[in-house]
Amino acid sequence: MDQIPVSTFSAPGIDWRPFKEALGRLALEITESAVLGCFEPKPISSCYDDELPRARQAILRAREGKLARFRYQVNRNAFLVACRDYADKKPEEHLLIGYGFRHGTTTKVESLHHVLGETGSVRLPDAVAHFMWDFYGQHDSNELLIFHNHPYNPLNFLLDNPPLASRQDRLFLEARALHPQQVARKMFGQGRILFYLGENGYVKEFCLPRIIALLDRYAAASRRP
């Protein structure tokens, strides 16, 4: 029997470079977020027990873009723990925005909005965005607590990790909370915009910009004449 040339069975070569590049970017993003997380506040785990049921009930009332008001204010931790408990194990992303005012080391939350998203994203509606910035500008002590969740994913199963803010999460942070007005309000002890992420049974503040983005900006500035 004649030997069949190897080339007869050779399939066209598969270009794995795009896959490797995408995997490399993902690994870099996860590593960067984990490193930044080490310098950010630890996950929130405790609150006043009597406030938690009221916070949970308010989240259930805040449906279809309705603003849910608290009859009695709740502290920041109770609001965030209630957000964590509500969004944990949900297959889609949720955006919960608490409106309140700075009070010592905490925030007194008076009302909230709840926005339902999809499996991999949640969009801030224009009407809610307008309400947020209008509220924030009404008084120097007003604060916004912006919480969203990441649904359970394979990384949580492998690493049992605390929340890891994504590239888009930190870009939103940079756009909304790291411009001069917000930095000045923080320096003078006034109301802030605070960002929180719920993931894998934890809730954690993220407050630092992406290192890579800062390096890119520095490189771009250094190239200018």
N, C-alpha and C. Protein backbone atom coordinates (compact mmCIF):
# COMPACT_ATOMS: atom_id res chain seq x y z
N MET A 1 0.87 -1.19 0.00
CA MET A 1 0.00 0.00 0.00
C MET A 1 0.90 1.23 0.00
N ASP A 2 0.58 2.16 -0.91
CA ASP A 2 1.40 3.36 -0.97
C ASP A 2 1.21 4.20 0.29
N GLN A 3 2.28 4.81 0.71
CA GLN A 3 2.21 5.68 1.89
C GLN A 3 1.51 6.98 1.51
N ILE A 4 0.55 7.37 2.32
CA ILE A 4 -0.20 8.60 2.06
C ILE A 4 0.57 9.77 2.63
N PRO A 5 0.83 10.79 1.83
CA PRO A 5 1.56 11.95 2.33
C PRO A 5 0.88 12.55 3.55
N VAL A 6 1.70 12.99 4.48
CA VAL A 6 1.17 13.59 5.71
C VAL A 6 0.32 14.80 5.39
N SER A 7 0.69 15.50 4.33
CA SER A 7 -0.01 16.73 4.00
C SER A 7 -1.49 16.49 3.67
N THR A 8 -1.81 15.25 3.27
CA THR A 8 -3.20 14.94 2.94
C THR A 8 -4.11 15.12 4.14
N PHE A 9 -3.59 14.83 5.32
CA PHE A 9 -4.40 14.91 6.53
C PHE A 9 -4.19 16.21 7.30
N SER A 10 -3.33 17.07 6.83
CA SER A 10 -3.03 18.30 7.57
C SER A 10 -4.16 19.30 7.40
N ALA A 11 -4.68 19.78 8.52
CA ALA A 11 -5.70 20.83 8.50
C ALA A 11 -5.00 22.19 8.51
N PRO A 12 -5.67 23.20 7.98
CA PRO A 12 -5.09 24.54 8.04
C PRO A 12 -4.78 24.92 9.48
N GLY A 13 -3.64 25.55 9.69
CA GLY A 13 -3.22 25.92 11.04
C GLY A 13 -4.18 26.91 11.67
N ILE A 14 -4.48 26.74 12.96
CA ILE A 14 -5.36 27.64 13.71
C ILE A 14 -4.51 28.73 14.33
N ASP A 15 -4.91 29.96 14.15
CA ASP A 15 -4.19 31.09 14.73
C ASP A 15 -4.70 31.30 16.16
N TRP A 16 -3.89 30.91 17.12
CA TRP A 16 -4.28 31.01 18.53
C TRP A 16 -3.93 32.36 19.13
N ARG A 17 -3.31 33.24 18.37
CA ARG A 17 -2.84 34.49 18.95
C ARG A 17 -3.96 35.36 19.53
N PRO A 18 -5.09 35.54 18.82
CA PRO A 18 -6.16 36.36 19.43
C PRO A 18 -6.65 35.78 20.75
N PHE A 19 -6.76 34.44 20.82
CA PHE A 19 -7.21 33.80 22.06
C PHE A 19 -6.20 34.03 23.18
N LYS A 20 -4.91 33.87 22.85
CA LYS A 20 -3.86 34.07 23.86
C LYS A 20 -3.83 35.52 24.33
N GLU A 21 -4.01 36.45 23.40
CA GLU A 21 -4.01 37.87 23.78
C GLU A 21 -5.19 38.20 24.69
N ALA A 22 -6.37 37.66 24.34
CA ALA A 22 -7.55 37.90 25.18
C ALA A 22 -7.37 37.30 26.56
N LEU A 23 -6.82 36.09 26.61
CA LEU A 23 -6.57 35.43 27.89
C LEU A 23 -5.55 36.22 28.71
N GLY A 24 -4.53 36.76 28.03
CA GLY A 24 -3.53 37.56 28.72
C GLY A 24 -4.12 38.83 29.29
N ARG A 25 -5.00 39.49 28.53
CA ARG A 25 -5.65 40.71 29.03
C ARG A 25 -6.53 40.41 30.23
N LEU A 26 -7.25 39.28 30.17
CA LEU A 26 -8.11 38.90 31.29
C LEU A 26 -7.27 38.62 32.54
N ALA A 27 -6.18 37.89 32.37
CA ALA A 27 -5.31 37.59 33.51
C ALA A 27 -4.73 38.87 34.10
N LEU A 28 -4.35 39.81 33.23
CA LEU A 28 -3.80 41.08 33.70
C LEU A 28 -4.84 41.88 34.46
N GLU A 29 -6.08 41.88 33.95
CA GLU A 29 -7.16 42.62 34.62
C GLU A 29 -7.46 42.03 35.99
N ILE A 30 -7.52 40.70 36.09
CA ILE A 30 -7.78 40.05 37.37
C ILE A 30 -6.65 40.34 38.36
N THR A 31 -5.41 40.24 37.88
CA THR A 31 -4.26 40.50 38.75
C THR A 31 -4.26 41.94 39.24
N GLU A 32 -4.51 42.87 38.33
CA GLU A 32 -4.53 44.28 38.71
C GLU A 32 -5.62 44.56 39.74
N SER A 33 -6.81 44.00 39.52
CA SER A 33 -7.92 44.23 40.45
C SER A 33 -7.62 43.62 41.82
N ALA A 34 -6.99 42.44 41.83
CA ALA A 34 -6.65 41.80 43.10
C ALA A 34 -5.62 42.63 43.87
N VAL A 35 -4.63 43.17 43.16
CA VAL A 35 -3.60 44.00 43.80
C VAL A 35 -4.22 45.28 44.35
N LEU A 36 -5.04 45.95 43.55
CA LEU A 36 -5.69 47.17 44.02
C LEU A 36 -6.59 46.89 45.22
N GLY A 37 -7.26 45.73 45.20
CA GLY A 37 -8.14 45.37 46.30
C GLY A 37 -7.42 45.25 47.63
N CYS A 38 -6.14 44.92 47.59
CA CYS A 38 -5.35 44.81 48.83
C CYS A 38 -5.18 46.16 49.52
N PHE A 39 -5.31 47.25 48.75
CA PHE A 39 -5.13 48.59 49.29
C PHE A 39 -6.47 49.30 49.52
N GLU A 40 -7.55 48.59 49.30
CA GLU A 40 -8.88 49.15 49.51
C GLU A 40 -9.50 48.57 50.79
N PRO A 41 -10.58 49.19 51.29
CA PRO A 41 -11.20 48.70 52.54
C PRO A 41 -11.60 47.23 52.46
N LYS A 42 -11.58 46.58 53.60
CA LYS A 42 -11.94 45.17 53.67
C LYS A 42 -13.45 45.01 53.48
N PRO A 43 -13.91 43.80 53.12
CA PRO A 43 -15.36 43.57 52.97
C PRO A 43 -16.14 43.92 54.22
N ILE A 44 -17.35 44.39 54.03
CA ILE A 44 -18.23 44.77 55.14
C ILE A 44 -19.00 43.54 55.59
N SER A 45 -19.01 43.31 56.89
CA SER A 45 -19.63 42.09 57.39
C SER A 45 -20.62 42.31 58.53
N SER A 46 -20.68 43.51 59.09
CA SER A 46 -21.53 43.72 60.27
C SER A 46 -22.32 45.01 60.15
N CYS A 47 -23.44 45.05 60.86
CA CYS A 47 -24.28 46.24 60.91
C CYS A 47 -25.20 46.12 62.12
N TYR A 48 -25.99 47.14 62.37
CA TYR A 48 -26.97 47.08 63.45
C TYR A 48 -28.11 46.15 63.05
N ASP A 49 -28.38 45.16 63.90
CA ASP A 49 -29.37 44.14 63.54
C ASP A 49 -30.77 44.70 63.34
N ASP A 50 -31.12 45.75 64.09
CA ASP A 50 -32.48 46.28 63.97
C ASP A 50 -32.70 47.06 62.67
N GLU A 51 -31.60 47.47 62.00
CA GLU A 51 -31.73 48.22 60.76
C GLU A 51 -31.83 47.31 59.52
N LEU A 52 -31.28 46.12 59.62
CA LEU A 52 -31.19 45.25 58.45
C LEU A 52 -32.55 44.87 57.87
N PRO A 53 -33.55 44.48 58.68
CA PRO A 53 -34.87 44.15 58.08
C PRO A 53 -35.49 45.32 57.33
N ARG A 54 -35.33 46.54 57.85
CA ARG A 54 -35.90 47.71 57.18
C ARG A 54 -35.21 47.98 55.85
N ALA A 55 -33.89 47.77 55.82
CA ALA A 55 -33.16 47.96 54.56
C ALA A 55 -33.59 46.92 53.53
N ARG A 56 -33.77 45.68 53.96
CA ARG A 56 -34.20 44.62 53.04
C ARG A 56 -35.59 44.90 52.49
N GLN A 57 -36.49 45.37 53.33
CA GLN A 57 -37.85 45.67 52.88
C GLN A 57 -37.86 46.81 51.87
N ALA A 58 -37.01 47.81 52.09
CA ALA A 58 -36.96 48.95 51.18
C ALA A 58 -36.48 48.52 49.79
N ILE A 59 -35.53 47.59 49.74
CA ILE A 59 -35.04 47.09 48.45
C ILE A 59 -36.17 46.41 47.69
N LEU A 60 -37.00 45.66 48.39
CA LEU A 60 -38.12 44.98 47.74
C LEU A 60 -39.17 45.97 47.24
N ARG A 61 -39.29 47.12 47.90
CA ARG A 61 -40.26 48.13 47.47
C ARG A 61 -39.75 48.93 46.26
N ALA A 62 -38.44 48.97 46.08
CA ALA A 62 -37.85 49.80 45.02
C ALA A 62 -37.83 49.02 43.72
N ARG A 63 -38.95 48.90 43.06
CA ARG A 63 -39.07 48.17 41.80
C ARG A 63 -39.50 49.11 40.68
N GLU A 64 -39.11 48.76 39.46
CA GLU A 64 -39.55 49.47 38.25
C GLU A 64 -39.24 50.96 38.31
N GLY A 65 -38.06 51.29 38.81
CA GLY A 65 -37.62 52.68 38.82
C GLY A 65 -38.21 53.54 39.92
N LYS A 66 -38.99 52.94 40.82
CA LYS A 66 -39.60 53.71 41.90
C LYS A 66 -38.57 54.03 42.97
N LEU A 67 -38.66 55.23 43.52
CA LEU A 67 -37.80 55.62 44.63
C LEU A 67 -38.43 55.12 45.93
N ALA A 68 -37.71 54.30 46.68
CA ALA A 68 -38.21 53.79 47.95
C ALA A 68 -37.58 54.61 49.08
N ARG A 69 -38.41 55.14 49.94
CA ARG A 69 -37.93 55.97 51.06
C ARG A 69 -37.98 55.17 52.36
N PHE A 70 -36.99 55.43 53.20
CA PHE A 70 -36.98 54.83 54.53
C PHE A 70 -37.78 55.72 55.48
N ARG A 71 -38.63 55.10 56.26
CA ARG A 71 -39.37 55.87 57.26
C ARG A 71 -38.39 56.39 58.31
N TYR A 72 -37.43 55.55 58.67
CA TYR A 72 -36.35 55.94 59.56
C TYR A 72 -35.04 55.62 58.85
N GLN A 73 -34.12 56.55 58.91
CA GLN A 73 -32.85 56.37 58.21
C GLN A 73 -32.13 55.11 58.69
N VAL A 74 -31.33 54.54 57.78
CA VAL A 74 -30.46 53.42 58.17
C VAL A 74 -29.02 53.81 57.89
N ASN A 75 -28.11 53.21 58.62
CA ASN A 75 -26.70 53.49 58.42
C ASN A 75 -26.16 52.76 57.19
N ARG A 76 -25.02 53.22 56.72
CA ARG A 76 -24.44 52.72 55.49
C ARG A 76 -24.25 51.20 55.49
N ASN A 77 -23.70 50.65 56.57
CA ASN A 77 -23.42 49.22 56.59
C ASN A 77 -24.68 48.38 56.46
N ALA A 78 -25.76 48.80 57.10
CA ALA A 78 -27.01 48.05 57.00
C ALA A 78 -27.53 48.05 55.57
N PHE A 79 -27.45 49.19 54.92
CA PHE A 79 -27.87 49.28 53.53
C PHE A 79 -27.05 48.35 52.65
N LEU A 80 -25.73 48.35 52.84
CA LEU A 80 -24.84 47.56 51.99
C LEU A 80 -24.97 46.06 52.26
N VAL A 81 -25.12 45.67 53.50
CA VAL A 81 -25.31 44.25 53.82
C VAL A 81 -26.63 43.76 53.23
N ALA A 82 -27.66 44.60 53.28
CA ALA A 82 -28.95 44.23 52.69
C ALA A 82 -28.82 44.10 51.16
N CYS A 83 -28.05 44.99 50.54
CA CYS A 83 -27.80 44.89 49.09
C CYS A 83 -27.07 43.59 48.77
N ARG A 84 -26.06 43.28 49.58
CA ARG A 84 -25.30 42.04 49.37
C ARG A 84 -26.21 40.83 49.46
N ASP A 85 -27.01 40.77 50.51
CA ASP A 85 -27.89 39.62 50.71
C ASP A 85 -28.91 39.48 49.59
N TYR A 86 -29.43 40.62 49.13
CA TYR A 86 -30.44 40.57 48.07
C TYR A 86 -29.85 40.07 46.76
N ALA A 87 -28.67 40.60 46.39
CA ALA A 87 -28.09 40.30 45.08
C ALA A 87 -27.32 38.98 45.04
N ASP A 88 -26.96 38.46 46.21
CA ASP A 88 -26.18 37.23 46.23
C ASP A 88 -26.97 36.09 45.58
N LYS A 89 -26.30 35.34 44.73
CA LYS A 89 -26.87 34.20 43.99
C LYS A 89 -27.82 34.60 42.86
N LYS A 90 -28.02 35.90 42.64
CA LYS A 90 -28.86 36.32 41.52
C LYS A 90 -28.09 36.07 40.21
N PRO A 91 -28.77 35.59 39.17
CA PRO A 91 -28.07 35.31 37.90
C PRO A 91 -27.81 36.55 37.06
N GLU A 92 -28.40 37.69 37.43
CA GLU A 92 -28.22 38.92 36.68
C GLU A 92 -27.65 40.01 37.60
N GLU A 93 -27.16 41.07 36.96
CA GLU A 93 -26.60 42.18 37.74
C GLU A 93 -27.72 43.12 38.19
N HIS A 94 -27.51 43.69 39.38
CA HIS A 94 -28.44 44.66 39.95
C HIS A 94 -27.66 45.91 40.34
N LEU A 95 -28.29 47.05 40.16
CA LEU A 95 -27.71 48.33 40.57
C LEU A 95 -28.61 48.92 41.64
N LEU A 96 -28.04 49.17 42.81
CA LEU A 96 -28.79 49.75 43.92
C LEU A 96 -28.08 51.02 44.37
N ILE A 97 -28.81 52.12 44.38
CA ILE A 97 -28.24 53.43 44.70
C ILE A 97 -28.88 53.96 45.96
N GLY A 98 -28.07 54.20 46.97
CA GLY A 98 -28.56 54.76 48.22
C GLY A 98 -28.32 56.26 48.27
N TYR A 99 -29.35 57.00 48.70
CA TYR A 99 -29.25 58.46 48.82
C TYR A 99 -29.27 58.83 50.29
N GLY A 100 -28.28 59.60 50.70
CA GLY A 100 -28.22 59.98 52.11
C GLY A 100 -27.29 61.15 52.32
N PHE A 101 -26.79 61.27 53.55
CA PHE A 101 -25.88 62.37 53.87
C PHE A 101 -24.79 61.86 54.81
N ARG A 102 -23.65 62.48 54.72
CA ARG A 102 -22.50 62.09 55.53
C ARG A 102 -22.75 62.45 56.98
N HIS A 103 -22.49 61.50 57.87
CA HIS A 103 -22.73 61.70 59.30
C HIS A 103 -21.59 61.02 60.06
N GLY A 104 -20.58 61.81 60.44
CA GLY A 104 -19.42 61.23 61.11
C GLY A 104 -18.69 60.27 60.20
N THR A 105 -18.55 59.03 60.65
CA THR A 105 -17.85 58.02 59.85
C THR A 105 -18.80 57.18 59.00
N THR A 106 -20.08 57.50 59.03
CA THR A 106 -21.04 56.69 58.28
C THR A 106 -21.86 57.57 57.34
N THR A 107 -22.81 56.94 56.67
CA THR A 107 -23.78 57.64 55.84
C THR A 107 -25.17 57.29 56.35
N LYS A 108 -26.01 58.29 56.54
CA LYS A 108 -27.41 58.06 56.89
C LYS A 108 -28.20 57.97 55.58
N VAL A 109 -28.69 56.77 55.29
CA VAL A 109 -29.38 56.53 54.01
C VAL A 109 -30.87 56.78 54.19
N GLU A 110 -31.43 57.59 53.30
CA GLU A 110 -32.82 57.99 53.40
C GLU A 110 -33.72 57.35 52.34
N SER A 111 -33.15 56.98 51.19
CA SER A 111 -33.96 56.43 50.10
C SER A 111 -33.05 55.67 49.14
N LEU A 112 -33.66 54.95 48.19
CA LEU A 112 -32.85 54.17 47.24
C LEU A 112 -33.60 53.95 45.94
N HIS A 113 -32.81 53.71 44.89
CA HIS A 113 -33.29 53.24 43.60
C HIS A 113 -32.74 51.84 43.36
N HIS A 114 -33.50 51.03 42.63
CA HIS A 114 -33.07 49.67 42.28
C HIS A 114 -33.28 49.48 40.78
N VAL A 115 -32.19 49.13 40.08
CA VAL A 115 -32.24 48.93 38.63
C VAL A 115 -31.85 47.48 38.33
N LEU A 116 -32.68 46.80 37.56
CA LEU A 116 -32.42 45.41 37.18
C LEU A 116 -31.65 45.39 35.86
N GLY A 117 -30.57 44.59 35.81
CA GLY A 117 -29.77 44.49 34.61
C GLY A 117 -29.86 43.13 33.97
N GLU A 118 -28.81 42.74 33.25
CA GLU A 118 -28.74 41.45 32.57
C GLU A 118 -27.62 40.62 33.18
N THR A 119 -27.33 39.48 32.58
CA THR A 119 -26.34 38.57 33.15
C THR A 119 -24.96 39.21 33.28
N GLY A 120 -24.54 39.98 32.27
CA GLY A 120 -23.19 40.52 32.30
C GLY A 120 -23.08 42.01 32.43
N SER A 121 -24.20 42.70 32.61
CA SER A 121 -24.12 44.16 32.69
C SER A 121 -25.42 44.73 33.27
N VAL A 122 -25.33 45.98 33.71
CA VAL A 122 -26.52 46.71 34.14
C VAL A 122 -26.32 48.16 33.71
N ARG A 123 -27.35 48.73 33.12
CA ARG A 123 -27.26 50.09 32.57
C ARG A 123 -27.92 51.08 33.52
N LEU A 124 -27.28 52.22 33.68
CA LEU A 124 -27.84 53.29 34.50
C LEU A 124 -28.85 54.08 33.67
N PRO A 125 -30.14 54.01 33.99
CA PRO A 125 -31.14 54.75 33.20
C PRO A 125 -30.94 56.25 33.30
N ASP A 126 -31.28 56.96 32.25
CA ASP A 126 -31.09 58.41 32.23
C ASP A 126 -31.84 59.10 33.36
N ALA A 127 -33.07 58.66 33.63
CA ALA A 127 -33.87 59.31 34.67
C ALA A 127 -33.24 59.14 36.05
N VAL A 128 -32.70 57.94 36.30
CA VAL A 128 -32.05 57.69 37.59
C VAL A 128 -30.74 58.49 37.68
N ALA A 129 -29.99 58.54 36.58
CA ALA A 129 -28.74 59.31 36.57
C ALA A 129 -29.01 60.78 36.86
N HIS A 130 -30.05 61.32 36.23
CA HIS A 130 -30.40 62.72 36.47
C HIS A 130 -30.77 62.95 37.93
N PHE A 131 -31.55 62.04 38.51
CA PHE A 131 -31.95 62.17 39.91
C PHE A 131 -30.71 62.11 40.82
N MET A 132 -29.78 61.20 40.52
CA MET A 132 -28.57 61.05 41.34
C MET A 132 -27.78 62.35 41.41
N TRP A 133 -27.45 62.90 40.23
CA TRP A 133 -26.57 64.08 40.23
C TRP A 133 -27.31 65.30 40.75
N ASP A 134 -28.61 65.37 40.54
CA ASP A 134 -29.39 66.47 41.11
C ASP A 134 -29.37 66.39 42.64
N PHE A 135 -29.59 65.19 43.17
CA PHE A 135 -29.55 65.01 44.63
C PHE A 135 -28.18 65.35 45.18
N TYR A 136 -27.15 64.85 44.53
CA TYR A 136 -25.78 65.05 45.03
C TYR A 136 -25.40 66.53 45.07
N GLY A 137 -25.88 67.30 44.13
CA GLY A 137 -25.54 68.71 44.07
C GLY A 137 -26.37 69.61 44.95
N GLN A 138 -27.42 69.07 45.57
CA GLN A 138 -28.31 69.90 46.37
C GLN A 138 -27.66 70.40 47.65
N HIS A 139 -26.76 69.61 48.24
CA HIS A 139 -26.12 69.99 49.50
C HIS A 139 -24.75 69.35 49.59
N ASP A 140 -23.82 70.06 50.21
CA ASP A 140 -22.44 69.56 50.29
C ASP A 140 -22.31 68.28 51.10
N SER A 141 -23.25 68.00 51.99
CA SER A 141 -23.16 66.80 52.83
C SER A 141 -23.81 65.58 52.19
N ASN A 142 -24.52 65.76 51.08
CA ASN A 142 -25.21 64.64 50.44
C ASN A 142 -24.22 63.61 49.90
N GLU A 143 -24.56 62.33 50.08
CA GLU A 143 -23.71 61.24 49.61
C GLU A 143 -24.51 60.27 48.76
N LEU A 144 -23.81 59.62 47.83
CA LEU A 144 -24.38 58.56 47.01
C LEU A 144 -23.63 57.27 47.30
N LEU A 145 -24.37 56.20 47.54
CA LEU A 145 -23.79 54.87 47.69
C LEU A 145 -24.22 54.06 46.46
N ILE A 146 -23.26 53.69 45.63
CA ILE A 146 -23.56 53.00 44.37
C ILE A 146 -23.08 51.55 44.49
N PHE A 147 -24.04 50.64 44.56
CA PHE A 147 -23.76 49.20 44.70
C PHE A 147 -24.20 48.47 43.45
N HIS A 148 -23.37 47.55 42.99
CA HIS A 148 -23.82 46.59 41.98
C HIS A 148 -23.15 45.25 42.26
N ASN A 149 -23.67 44.21 41.67
CA ASN A 149 -23.18 42.85 41.94
C ASN A 149 -22.59 42.22 40.69
N HIS A 150 -21.73 41.24 40.90
CA HIS A 150 -21.28 40.35 39.84
C HIS A 150 -21.87 38.97 40.13
N PRO A 151 -22.63 38.40 39.21
CA PRO A 151 -23.17 37.05 39.43
C PRO A 151 -22.05 36.04 39.63
N TYR A 152 -22.39 34.92 40.25
CA TYR A 152 -21.42 33.86 40.53
C TYR A 152 -20.78 33.39 39.23
N ASN A 153 -19.46 33.21 39.27
CA ASN A 153 -18.73 32.84 38.06
C ASN A 153 -17.67 31.80 38.39
N PRO A 154 -17.06 31.17 37.37
CA PRO A 154 -16.08 30.11 37.63
C PRO A 154 -14.91 30.53 38.51
N LEU A 155 -14.52 31.80 38.43
CA LEU A 155 -13.41 32.27 39.25
C LEU A 155 -13.75 32.17 40.74
N ASN A 156 -15.01 32.45 41.08
CA ASN A 156 -15.44 32.33 42.47
C ASN A 156 -15.31 30.89 42.96
N PHE A 157 -15.63 29.95 42.07
CA PHE A 157 -15.54 28.53 42.43
C PHE A 157 -14.08 28.12 42.64
N LEU A 158 -13.19 28.64 41.80
CA LEU A 158 -11.78 28.24 41.86
C LEU A 158 -11.04 28.91 43.02
N LEU A 159 -11.32 30.19 43.25
CA LEU A 159 -10.51 30.96 44.20
C LEU A 159 -11.26 31.37 45.46
N ASP A 160 -12.60 31.27 45.45
CA ASP A 160 -13.40 31.78 46.58
C ASP A 160 -12.97 33.20 46.93
N ASN A 161 -12.89 34.04 45.90
CA ASN A 161 -12.31 35.37 46.02
C ASN A 161 -13.29 36.41 46.54
N PRO A 162 -12.78 37.47 47.17
CA PRO A 162 -13.62 38.63 47.48
C PRO A 162 -13.93 39.37 46.18
N PRO A 163 -14.77 40.40 46.21
CA PRO A 163 -15.15 41.10 44.98
C PRO A 163 -13.94 41.65 44.22
N LEU A 164 -13.95 41.45 42.90
CA LEU A 164 -12.91 41.96 42.02
C LEU A 164 -13.56 42.92 41.02
N ALA A 165 -13.30 44.20 41.19
CA ALA A 165 -13.87 45.20 40.29
C ALA A 165 -13.31 45.03 38.89
N SER A 166 -14.18 45.07 37.91
CA SER A 166 -13.76 44.91 36.52
C SER A 166 -13.20 46.21 35.96
N ARG A 167 -12.68 46.12 34.75
CA ARG A 167 -12.18 47.31 34.07
C ARG A 167 -13.29 48.35 33.93
N GLN A 168 -14.50 47.92 33.53
CA GLN A 168 -15.61 48.85 33.36
C GLN A 168 -16.02 49.46 34.69
N ASP A 169 -15.96 48.68 35.77
CA ASP A 169 -16.29 49.21 37.09
C ASP A 169 -15.37 50.38 37.44
N ARG A 170 -14.08 50.17 37.22
CA ARG A 170 -13.11 51.22 37.61
C ARG A 170 -13.16 52.41 36.65
N LEU A 171 -13.50 52.17 35.40
CA LEU A 171 -13.69 53.29 34.48
C LEU A 171 -14.86 54.17 34.92
N PHE A 172 -15.94 53.54 35.38
CA PHE A 172 -17.10 54.29 35.89
C PHE A 172 -16.69 55.07 37.13
N LEU A 173 -15.91 54.45 38.00
CA LEU A 173 -15.39 55.13 39.19
C LEU A 173 -14.57 56.36 38.80
N GLU A 174 -13.66 56.19 37.84
CA GLU A 174 -12.81 57.30 37.42
C GLU A 174 -13.63 58.45 36.85
N ALA A 175 -14.67 58.12 36.10
CA ALA A 175 -15.48 59.15 35.45
C ALA A 175 -16.35 59.91 36.44
N ARG A 176 -16.81 59.23 37.49
CA ARG A 176 -17.80 59.83 38.37
C ARG A 176 -17.26 60.35 39.70
N ALA A 177 -16.16 59.81 40.18
CA ALA A 177 -15.75 60.13 41.55
C ALA A 177 -14.33 60.66 41.68
N LEU A 178 -13.57 60.71 40.58
CA LEU A 178 -12.17 61.10 40.71
C LEU A 178 -11.84 62.38 39.94
N HIS A 179 -12.83 63.23 39.71
CA HIS A 179 -12.52 64.51 39.11
C HIS A 179 -12.39 65.55 40.22
N PRO A 180 -11.85 66.74 39.94
CA PRO A 180 -11.48 67.70 41.00
C PRO A 180 -12.57 68.02 42.01
N GLN A 181 -13.83 68.17 41.55
CA GLN A 181 -14.90 68.52 42.48
C GLN A 181 -15.08 67.45 43.56
N GLN A 182 -15.05 66.17 43.14
CA GLN A 182 -15.24 65.09 44.11
C GLN A 182 -14.05 64.98 45.07
N VAL A 183 -12.85 65.16 44.53
CA VAL A 183 -11.66 65.10 45.37
C VAL A 183 -11.69 66.22 46.41
N ALA A 184 -12.11 67.42 45.99
CA ALA A 184 -12.19 68.56 46.92
C ALA A 184 -13.23 68.30 48.01
N ARG A 185 -14.38 67.75 47.65
CA ARG A 185 -15.41 67.47 48.66
C ARG A 185 -14.90 66.46 49.68
N LYS A 186 -14.17 65.47 49.21
CA LYS A 186 -13.62 64.47 50.12
C LYS A 186 -12.59 65.08 51.06
N MET A 187 -11.75 65.96 50.54
CA MET A 187 -10.70 66.59 51.34
C MET A 187 -11.30 67.46 52.44
N PHE A 188 -12.42 68.10 52.16
CA PHE A 188 -13.05 69.00 53.13
C PHE A 188 -14.10 68.29 54.00
N GLY A 189 -14.13 66.97 53.97
CA GLY A 189 -15.04 66.22 54.83
C GLY A 189 -16.49 66.33 54.43
N GLN A 190 -16.75 66.58 53.15
CA GLN A 190 -18.13 66.72 52.68
C GLN A 190 -18.61 65.40 52.07
N GLY A 191 -19.82 65.43 51.52
CA GLY A 191 -20.42 64.21 50.97
C GLY A 191 -19.65 63.67 49.78
N ARG A 192 -19.61 62.35 49.66
CA ARG A 192 -18.85 61.69 48.61
C ARG A 192 -19.75 60.81 47.74
N ILE A 193 -19.15 60.27 46.68
CA ILE A 193 -19.76 59.21 45.89
C ILE A 193 -18.95 57.96 46.17
N LEU A 194 -19.58 56.96 46.76
CA LEU A 194 -18.88 55.75 47.18
C LEU A 194 -19.38 54.55 46.36
N PHE A 195 -18.44 53.73 45.93
CA PHE A 195 -18.75 52.61 45.04
C PHE A 195 -18.50 51.28 45.75
N TYR A 196 -19.47 50.36 45.60
CA TYR A 196 -19.38 49.06 46.27
C TYR A 196 -19.74 47.96 45.28
N LEU A 197 -19.08 46.83 45.47
CA LEU A 197 -19.31 45.67 44.62
C LEU A 197 -19.67 44.47 45.47
N GLY A 198 -20.74 43.77 45.09
CA GLY A 198 -21.13 42.53 45.74
C GLY A 198 -20.76 41.35 44.86
N GLU A 199 -20.05 40.39 45.43
CA GLU A 199 -19.64 39.22 44.66
C GLU A 199 -19.27 38.09 45.61
N ASN A 200 -19.72 36.89 45.29
CA ASN A 200 -19.30 35.69 46.03
C ASN A 200 -19.61 35.78 47.53
N GLY A 201 -20.73 36.42 47.87
CA GLY A 201 -21.13 36.50 49.27
C GLY A 201 -20.47 37.61 50.06
N TYR A 202 -19.75 38.52 49.37
CA TYR A 202 -19.09 39.65 50.02
C TYR A 202 -19.62 40.96 49.45
N VAL A 203 -19.41 42.04 50.20
CA VAL A 203 -19.62 43.38 49.66
C VAL A 203 -18.41 44.21 50.08
N LYS A 204 -17.85 44.95 49.12
CA LYS A 204 -16.58 45.63 49.35
C LYS A 204 -16.54 46.94 48.58
N GLU A 205 -15.95 47.95 49.20
CA GLU A 205 -15.77 49.23 48.51
C GLU A 205 -14.59 49.14 47.55
N PHE A 206 -14.74 49.74 46.38
CA PHE A 206 -13.58 49.93 45.50
C PHE A 206 -13.45 51.43 45.22
N CYS A 207 -12.23 51.94 45.34
CA CYS A 207 -12.04 53.39 45.31
C CYS A 207 -10.79 53.83 44.57
N LEU A 208 -10.04 52.89 43.98
CA LEU A 208 -8.79 53.23 43.31
C LEU A 208 -8.93 53.08 41.79
N PRO A 209 -8.30 53.97 41.03
CA PRO A 209 -8.34 53.85 39.56
C PRO A 209 -7.41 52.75 39.08
N ARG A 210 -7.55 52.39 37.83
CA ARG A 210 -6.70 51.36 37.24
C ARG A 210 -5.27 51.86 37.11
N ILE A 211 -4.33 51.03 37.50
CA ILE A 211 -2.91 51.38 37.39
C ILE A 211 -2.52 51.54 35.93
N ILE A 212 -2.97 50.62 35.10
CA ILE A 212 -2.62 50.66 33.68
C ILE A 212 -3.13 51.93 33.03
N ALA A 213 -4.33 52.37 33.40
CA ALA A 213 -4.89 53.60 32.84
C ALA A 213 -4.04 54.81 33.23
N LEU A 214 -3.59 54.84 34.49
CA LEU A 214 -2.75 55.95 34.94
C LEU A 214 -1.42 55.96 34.20
N LEU A 215 -0.82 54.78 34.00
CA LEU A 215 0.44 54.70 33.27
C LEU A 215 0.27 55.13 31.81
N ASP A 216 -0.86 54.75 31.20
CA ASP A 216 -1.13 55.14 29.83
C ASP A 216 -1.26 56.66 29.71
N ARG A 217 -1.95 57.26 30.70
CA ARG A 217 -2.11 58.71 30.67
C ARG A 217 -0.78 59.42 30.86
N TYR A 218 0.03 58.90 31.76
CA TYR A 218 1.34 59.49 32.00
C TYR A 218 2.21 59.39 30.75
N ALA A 219 2.18 58.23 30.08
CA ALA A 219 2.96 58.07 28.86
C ALA A 219 2.47 59.00 27.76
N ALA A 220 1.15 59.15 27.64
CA ALA A 220 0.61 60.05 26.62
C ALA A 220 0.99 61.50 26.90
N ALA A 221 0.96 61.88 28.19
CA ALA A 221 1.32 63.26 28.56
C ALA A 221 2.80 63.53 28.30
N SER A 222 3.64 62.53 28.54
CA SER A 222 5.08 62.71 28.36
C SER A 222 5.47 62.82 26.89
N ARG A 223 4.60 62.32 25.99
CA ARG A 223 4.89 62.40 24.56
C ARG A 223 4.47 63.72 23.94
N ARG A 224 3.69 64.49 24.68
CA ARG A 224 3.24 65.79 24.14
C ARG A 224 4.41 66.77 24.09
N PRO A 225 4.42 67.61 23.06
CA PRO A 225 5.53 68.57 22.93
C PRO A 225 5.47 69.67 24.00
